[in-house]
Amino acid sequence: MGEQKQSYYVNIQSHDILRDPFEGEWGVKIEATESQLAVLERLFDQNDETDWESFFRAQFPFLEYHHQPQNMEYDQQMLLIYTMLFYLGDEKARAHIREMGILNEDIVNHQKDRF
């Protein structure tokens, strides 16, 4: 028996995941199981850690952006987050992510089994 999905409201910038749309600001509505929500929370946590590593690394400016592994890792994590939000999001969320032009939908469809 599968888990039941519930609505959640996500603020991508602050990494807030709300159960009620009136709890705070949000930009993306998703339908997710508790397991899927745990994966999204873990991705946000990892992204926060990488962002801090990137900040500390930036204090030594002799490496270019694309040569810093923390930046590449951050970018990859953001793609995973947007892929998951695309998969779990409502049509408005998917349309917004499509308009951003950051995801290849063939890859998204291949990755959805991962979530």
N, C-alpha and C. Protein backbone atom coordinates (compact mmCIF):
# COMPACT_ATOMS: atom_id res chain seq x y z
N MET A 1 0.83 -1.17 0.00
CA MET A 1 0.00 0.00 0.00
C MET A 1 0.87 1.24 0.00
N GLY A 2 0.65 2.16 -0.94
CA GLY A 2 1.47 3.35 -1.06
C GLY A 2 1.10 4.43 -0.06
N GLU A 3 2.03 5.31 0.12
CA GLU A 3 1.80 6.44 1.00
C GLU A 3 0.84 7.42 0.34
N GLN A 4 0.07 8.10 1.14
CA GLN A 4 -0.85 9.10 0.63
C GLN A 4 -0.14 10.44 0.45
N LYS A 5 -0.43 11.09 -0.66
CA LYS A 5 0.18 12.39 -0.93
C LYS A 5 -0.64 13.49 -0.26
N GLN A 6 0.09 14.53 0.15
CA GLN A 6 -0.53 15.72 0.72
C GLN A 6 0.03 16.94 0.02
N SER A 7 -0.69 18.04 0.14
CA SER A 7 -0.22 19.30 -0.45
C SER A 7 0.78 19.97 0.47
N TYR A 8 1.83 20.51 -0.14
CA TYR A 8 2.84 21.30 0.57
C TYR A 8 3.14 22.52 -0.29
N TYR A 9 3.64 23.55 0.38
CA TYR A 9 3.91 24.82 -0.27
C TYR A 9 5.37 25.18 -0.01
N VAL A 10 6.13 25.36 -1.09
CA VAL A 10 7.58 25.46 -1.00
C VAL A 10 8.07 26.86 -1.37
N ASN A 11 8.94 27.39 -0.52
CA ASN A 11 9.67 28.61 -0.82
C ASN A 11 11.09 28.17 -1.16
N ILE A 12 11.43 28.23 -2.42
CA ILE A 12 12.72 27.70 -2.88
C ILE A 12 13.89 28.50 -2.30
N GLN A 13 13.75 29.81 -2.21
CA GLN A 13 14.85 30.64 -1.72
C GLN A 13 15.17 30.36 -0.25
N SER A 14 14.15 30.26 0.58
CA SER A 14 14.38 30.05 2.01
C SER A 14 14.41 28.58 2.40
N HIS A 15 14.04 27.71 1.46
CA HIS A 15 13.96 26.27 1.69
C HIS A 15 12.87 25.90 2.69
N ASP A 16 11.87 26.76 2.83
CA ASP A 16 10.74 26.46 3.71
C ASP A 16 9.76 25.55 2.99
N ILE A 17 9.28 24.56 3.71
CA ILE A 17 8.23 23.67 3.21
C ILE A 17 7.08 23.79 4.20
N LEU A 18 5.98 24.33 3.72
CA LEU A 18 4.84 24.63 4.58
C LEU A 18 3.69 23.67 4.32
N ARG A 19 2.95 23.34 5.35
CA ARG A 19 1.77 22.49 5.20
C ARG A 19 0.52 23.32 4.90
N ASP A 20 0.56 24.58 5.25
CA ASP A 20 -0.59 25.47 5.07
C ASP A 20 -0.13 26.66 4.23
N PRO A 21 -0.87 27.02 3.19
CA PRO A 21 -0.43 28.11 2.33
C PRO A 21 -0.41 29.47 3.03
N PHE A 22 -1.05 29.57 4.17
CA PHE A 22 -1.12 30.84 4.89
C PHE A 22 -0.05 30.95 5.98
N GLU A 23 0.84 29.97 6.08
CA GLU A 23 1.90 29.99 7.09
C GLU A 23 3.03 30.96 6.73
N GLY A 24 3.18 31.25 5.47
CA GLY A 24 4.28 32.11 5.05
C GLY A 24 4.29 32.23 3.54
N GLU A 25 5.36 32.82 3.03
CA GLU A 25 5.49 33.00 1.58
C GLU A 25 5.93 31.70 0.93
N TRP A 26 5.38 31.43 -0.23
CA TRP A 26 5.76 30.24 -0.98
C TRP A 26 5.56 30.54 -2.46
N GLY A 27 6.19 29.73 -3.30
CA GLY A 27 6.08 29.95 -4.73
C GLY A 27 5.68 28.72 -5.51
N VAL A 28 5.81 27.54 -4.90
CA VAL A 28 5.55 26.29 -5.60
C VAL A 28 4.67 25.39 -4.74
N LYS A 29 3.59 24.91 -5.32
CA LYS A 29 2.72 23.94 -4.64
C LYS A 29 3.09 22.55 -5.16
N ILE A 30 3.27 21.61 -4.23
CA ILE A 30 3.58 20.23 -4.61
C ILE A 30 2.62 19.28 -3.92
N GLU A 31 2.54 18.08 -4.46
CA GLU A 31 1.81 16.97 -3.85
C GLU A 31 2.86 15.89 -3.60
N ALA A 32 3.08 15.55 -2.32
CA ALA A 32 4.17 14.63 -1.99
C ALA A 32 3.78 13.71 -0.85
N THR A 33 4.41 12.53 -0.85
CA THR A 33 4.29 11.62 0.28
C THR A 33 5.29 12.06 1.35
N GLU A 34 5.19 11.49 2.52
CA GLU A 34 6.15 11.80 3.59
C GLU A 34 7.57 11.43 3.16
N SER A 35 7.72 10.32 2.44
CA SER A 35 9.04 9.90 1.97
C SER A 35 9.61 10.90 0.97
N GLN A 36 8.79 11.33 0.03
CA GLN A 36 9.24 12.31 -0.96
C GLN A 36 9.59 13.64 -0.28
N LEU A 37 8.79 14.00 0.71
CA LEU A 37 9.07 15.23 1.46
C LEU A 37 10.42 15.13 2.17
N ALA A 38 10.70 13.97 2.74
CA ALA A 38 11.99 13.76 3.43
C ALA A 38 13.15 13.90 2.45
N VAL A 39 12.99 13.40 1.23
CA VAL A 39 14.05 13.53 0.22
C VAL A 39 14.26 15.00 -0.13
N LEU A 40 13.18 15.74 -0.33
CA LEU A 40 13.29 17.16 -0.65
C LEU A 40 13.96 17.92 0.49
N GLU A 41 13.58 17.63 1.71
CA GLU A 41 14.21 18.28 2.87
C GLU A 41 15.71 17.97 2.92
N ARG A 42 16.08 16.72 2.64
CA ARG A 42 17.49 16.32 2.62
C ARG A 42 18.25 17.07 1.52
N LEU A 43 17.63 17.22 0.36
CA LEU A 43 18.26 17.98 -0.73
C LEU A 43 18.48 19.44 -0.32
N PHE A 44 17.49 20.03 0.32
CA PHE A 44 17.64 21.41 0.80
C PHE A 44 18.76 21.50 1.83
N ASP A 45 18.83 20.54 2.76
CA ASP A 45 19.89 20.55 3.77
C ASP A 45 21.28 20.44 3.13
N GLN A 46 21.41 19.52 2.17
CA GLN A 46 22.69 19.36 1.48
C GLN A 46 23.05 20.63 0.72
N ASN A 47 22.04 21.25 0.13
CA ASN A 47 22.27 22.49 -0.60
C ASN A 47 22.75 23.60 0.32
N ASP A 48 22.19 23.67 1.52
CA ASP A 48 22.63 24.66 2.50
C ASP A 48 24.09 24.44 2.88
N GLU A 49 24.46 23.18 3.10
CA GLU A 49 25.85 22.86 3.46
C GLU A 49 26.81 23.26 2.34
N THR A 50 26.44 22.92 1.12
CA THR A 50 27.29 23.26 -0.03
C THR A 50 27.38 24.77 -0.22
N ASP A 51 26.29 25.47 0.04
CA ASP A 51 26.29 26.92 -0.07
C ASP A 51 27.28 27.53 0.92
N TRP A 52 27.32 27.02 2.14
CA TRP A 52 28.29 27.50 3.14
C TRP A 52 29.72 27.19 2.72
N GLU A 53 29.95 25.98 2.21
CA GLU A 53 31.29 25.62 1.74
C GLU A 53 31.72 26.56 0.62
N SER A 54 30.80 26.88 -0.24
CA SER A 54 31.06 27.79 -1.35
C SER A 54 31.40 29.18 -0.83
N PHE A 55 30.68 29.62 0.17
CA PHE A 55 30.93 30.93 0.77
C PHE A 55 32.35 31.00 1.34
N PHE A 56 32.72 29.97 2.11
CA PHE A 56 34.06 29.97 2.69
C PHE A 56 35.14 29.88 1.62
N ARG A 57 34.88 29.09 0.59
CA ARG A 57 35.84 28.92 -0.51
C ARG A 57 36.00 30.23 -1.28
N ALA A 58 34.93 31.02 -1.35
CA ALA A 58 34.97 32.27 -2.10
C ALA A 58 35.90 33.31 -1.48
N GLN A 59 36.31 33.09 -0.26
CA GLN A 59 37.21 34.03 0.40
C GLN A 59 38.63 33.95 -0.17
N PHE A 60 38.87 32.93 -1.02
CA PHE A 60 40.16 32.76 -1.69
C PHE A 60 39.90 32.89 -3.19
N PRO A 61 40.00 34.10 -3.72
CA PRO A 61 39.49 34.39 -5.07
C PRO A 61 40.37 33.94 -6.23
N PHE A 62 41.37 33.12 -6.02
CA PHE A 62 42.24 32.78 -7.15
C PHE A 62 41.71 31.64 -8.01
N LEU A 63 40.60 31.01 -7.64
CA LEU A 63 39.99 29.99 -8.49
C LEU A 63 38.74 30.56 -9.15
N GLU A 64 38.59 30.30 -10.43
CA GLU A 64 37.40 30.75 -11.14
C GLU A 64 36.19 29.92 -10.71
N TYR A 65 34.99 30.51 -10.90
CA TYR A 65 33.74 29.87 -10.47
C TYR A 65 33.62 28.43 -10.97
N HIS A 66 33.85 28.22 -12.23
CA HIS A 66 33.64 26.90 -12.82
C HIS A 66 34.73 25.89 -12.43
N HIS A 67 35.76 26.33 -11.72
CA HIS A 67 36.80 25.40 -11.27
C HIS A 67 36.64 25.05 -9.79
N GLN A 68 35.60 25.54 -9.17
CA GLN A 68 35.38 25.26 -7.76
C GLN A 68 34.36 24.13 -7.63
N PRO A 69 34.76 23.00 -7.07
CA PRO A 69 33.85 21.85 -6.98
C PRO A 69 32.60 22.16 -6.17
N GLN A 70 32.69 23.05 -5.18
CA GLN A 70 31.51 23.38 -4.39
C GLN A 70 30.44 24.05 -5.26
N ASN A 71 30.87 24.88 -6.19
CA ASN A 71 29.92 25.56 -7.06
C ASN A 71 29.25 24.57 -8.01
N MET A 72 30.02 23.65 -8.54
CA MET A 72 29.45 22.62 -9.42
C MET A 72 28.47 21.76 -8.64
N GLU A 73 28.82 21.40 -7.42
CA GLU A 73 27.94 20.58 -6.58
C GLU A 73 26.65 21.35 -6.27
N TYR A 74 26.78 22.62 -5.94
CA TYR A 74 25.61 23.45 -5.66
C TYR A 74 24.67 23.49 -6.88
N ASP A 75 25.26 23.73 -8.05
CA ASP A 75 24.46 23.79 -9.28
C ASP A 75 23.74 22.46 -9.53
N GLN A 76 24.44 21.34 -9.34
CA GLN A 76 23.83 20.03 -9.54
C GLN A 76 22.71 19.78 -8.54
N GLN A 77 22.91 20.19 -7.31
CA GLN A 77 21.86 20.02 -6.30
C GLN A 77 20.63 20.86 -6.63
N MET A 78 20.87 22.08 -7.12
CA MET A 78 19.73 22.92 -7.52
C MET A 78 18.96 22.27 -8.67
N LEU A 79 19.67 21.65 -9.61
CA LEU A 79 18.98 20.95 -10.70
C LEU A 79 18.16 19.78 -10.16
N LEU A 80 18.70 19.06 -9.18
CA LEU A 80 17.94 17.96 -8.57
C LEU A 80 16.70 18.50 -7.85
N ILE A 81 16.86 19.60 -7.13
CA ILE A 81 15.72 20.21 -6.43
C ILE A 81 14.65 20.61 -7.44
N TYR A 82 15.04 21.31 -8.50
CA TYR A 82 14.06 21.73 -9.50
C TYR A 82 13.44 20.54 -10.23
N THR A 83 14.22 19.48 -10.44
CA THR A 83 13.67 18.27 -11.05
C THR A 83 12.60 17.67 -10.16
N MET A 84 12.88 17.61 -8.87
CA MET A 84 11.90 17.05 -7.93
C MET A 84 10.67 17.94 -7.84
N LEU A 85 10.86 19.25 -7.80
CA LEU A 85 9.72 20.16 -7.76
C LEU A 85 8.89 20.07 -9.04
N PHE A 86 9.55 19.86 -10.17
CA PHE A 86 8.84 19.69 -11.44
C PHE A 86 7.98 18.42 -11.38
N TYR A 87 8.55 17.36 -10.88
CA TYR A 87 7.86 16.08 -10.80
C TYR A 87 6.68 16.12 -9.81
N LEU A 88 6.88 16.78 -8.67
CA LEU A 88 5.85 16.80 -7.62
C LEU A 88 4.91 18.00 -7.74
N GLY A 89 5.30 19.00 -8.51
CA GLY A 89 4.55 20.25 -8.56
C GLY A 89 3.26 20.17 -9.35
N ASP A 90 2.42 21.16 -9.10
CA ASP A 90 1.20 21.28 -9.88
C ASP A 90 1.53 21.86 -11.26
N GLU A 91 0.53 22.01 -12.09
CA GLU A 91 0.78 22.48 -13.46
C GLU A 91 1.40 23.87 -13.48
N LYS A 92 1.00 24.73 -12.55
CA LYS A 92 1.57 26.08 -12.47
C LYS A 92 3.06 26.02 -12.17
N ALA A 93 3.45 25.13 -11.25
CA ALA A 93 4.87 24.97 -10.91
C ALA A 93 5.66 24.44 -12.10
N ARG A 94 5.10 23.43 -12.78
CA ARG A 94 5.79 22.88 -13.96
C ARG A 94 5.93 23.93 -15.07
N ALA A 95 4.88 24.73 -15.27
CA ALA A 95 4.95 25.78 -16.29
C ALA A 95 6.03 26.80 -15.95
N HIS A 96 6.12 27.17 -14.68
CA HIS A 96 7.13 28.13 -14.25
C HIS A 96 8.54 27.58 -14.47
N ILE A 97 8.74 26.32 -14.11
CA ILE A 97 10.06 25.69 -14.27
C ILE A 97 10.39 25.53 -15.75
N ARG A 98 9.40 25.20 -16.57
CA ARG A 98 9.62 25.14 -18.02
C ARG A 98 10.08 26.49 -18.56
N GLU A 99 9.41 27.55 -18.11
CA GLU A 99 9.76 28.90 -18.57
C GLU A 99 11.18 29.28 -18.17
N MET A 100 11.66 28.76 -17.05
CA MET A 100 13.02 29.05 -16.62
C MET A 100 14.03 28.46 -17.59
N GLY A 101 13.67 27.34 -18.24
CA GLY A 101 14.53 26.72 -19.24
C GLY A 101 15.76 26.04 -18.66
N ILE A 102 15.69 25.61 -17.41
CA ILE A 102 16.87 25.00 -16.78
C ILE A 102 16.86 23.48 -16.83
N LEU A 103 15.70 22.88 -17.15
CA LEU A 103 15.61 21.43 -17.14
C LEU A 103 15.32 20.88 -18.52
N ASN A 104 15.89 19.74 -18.79
CA ASN A 104 15.57 18.97 -19.98
C ASN A 104 14.50 17.98 -19.55
N GLU A 105 13.29 18.08 -20.10
CA GLU A 105 12.18 17.24 -19.65
C GLU A 105 12.43 15.76 -19.85
N ASP A 106 13.22 15.38 -20.85
CA ASP A 106 13.55 13.96 -21.02
C ASP A 106 14.34 13.46 -19.82
N ILE A 107 15.26 14.28 -19.33
CA ILE A 107 16.04 13.91 -18.15
C ILE A 107 15.15 13.88 -16.93
N VAL A 108 14.25 14.85 -16.81
CA VAL A 108 13.32 14.90 -15.68
C VAL A 108 12.50 13.63 -15.64
N ASN A 109 11.96 13.22 -16.78
CA ASN A 109 11.14 12.01 -16.83
C ASN A 109 11.95 10.77 -16.46
N HIS A 110 13.23 10.77 -16.82
CA HIS A 110 14.11 9.65 -16.46
C HIS A 110 14.42 9.65 -14.96
N GLN A 111 14.58 10.83 -14.37
CA GLN A 111 14.94 10.97 -12.96
C GLN A 111 13.78 10.73 -12.01
N LYS A 112 12.53 10.86 -12.49
CA LYS A 112 11.39 10.82 -11.57
C LYS A 112 11.31 9.51 -10.79
N ASP A 113 11.82 8.42 -11.33
CA ASP A 113 11.80 7.15 -10.61
C ASP A 113 12.70 7.20 -9.37
N ARG A 114 13.64 8.12 -9.39
CA ARG A 114 14.56 8.29 -8.28
C ARG A 114 13.86 8.86 -7.04
N PHE A 115 12.78 9.59 -7.27
CA PHE A 115 12.06 10.23 -6.18
C PHE A 115 10.90 9.38 -5.75
